[in-house]
């Protein structure tokens, strides 16, 4: 696994206290050959040192595969003012944590991007991410940006808030997703309808405060990874017993959901975490 390189202003070096990281300063001369070997970068700034433009030093990283931006004092213009060519064509994974305002992607194509995470409301055009396979985003209440995203060749979709009830399963059904995350929301009350997604191999459910009956999980015969966190009203956990391929299970912060009903299943898994759950 490649080592993450931190890109920051040299004046902020003393404020960065994470050990075992390579540091590159975007305000100092750089060695192009050295930069061409960097594959994984995090652009960092403390709260008192705003960055408003993607540093040219990142453009020079011709082998860059993974880039994360923020959190910290990173202004939205670092994305909205991007120009074609600013991001290396080699880039495959991008993660953006900037603000709570809607972020609008500029007219910039990222031809080889496969994974995109945007931690704020996000508007974009599919043509800018032609090879995208995994997307994490805040959906509009209308779900219009989700419908648009589903026209991409996605294998994974993570909704960072779920503004809909069980209709969400009907919405994503035609895509044939392999991985789904529903993370936060007060409207989803059950997993009724999730049987329409038989190809799911991984499912994450987190901070769904109204989620109750999950017994329809039993229909997901290809499910290998199940991650449920802080869903304290769930019932029907015995459905886990009917998942033949399940190998990793997380049940954290769910309270009293009846773990005894799946004790035998837990003993067969390669990994399980049941913290703060009984």
Foldseek 3Di string as FASTA:
>chain_A
DDAEAEEEAPVCVVVDDDPDHHYDYLVDDDDLVVLCPDAHYEYDDAQVDEDQAQRQSQLSNQQHAYYEYDDHRYALNNFQVDDASSHHLNYAEYEYDYDQDEREGYPYANERHAYYEYPYHYDYACRNDQNYAEYEHAADLVNVVVLRVLVHLYQEYAHQADNEELCVLVSNLVNLHQEYEHHYYAHYQENPNVLSNQNHQEYEYYHHARHEEHQCVLSNQNHAYYAYEQHQHYENPLSLVNHVNHAEYEAENRAEHPCVSCVVVVVPHPYYHRYNYD
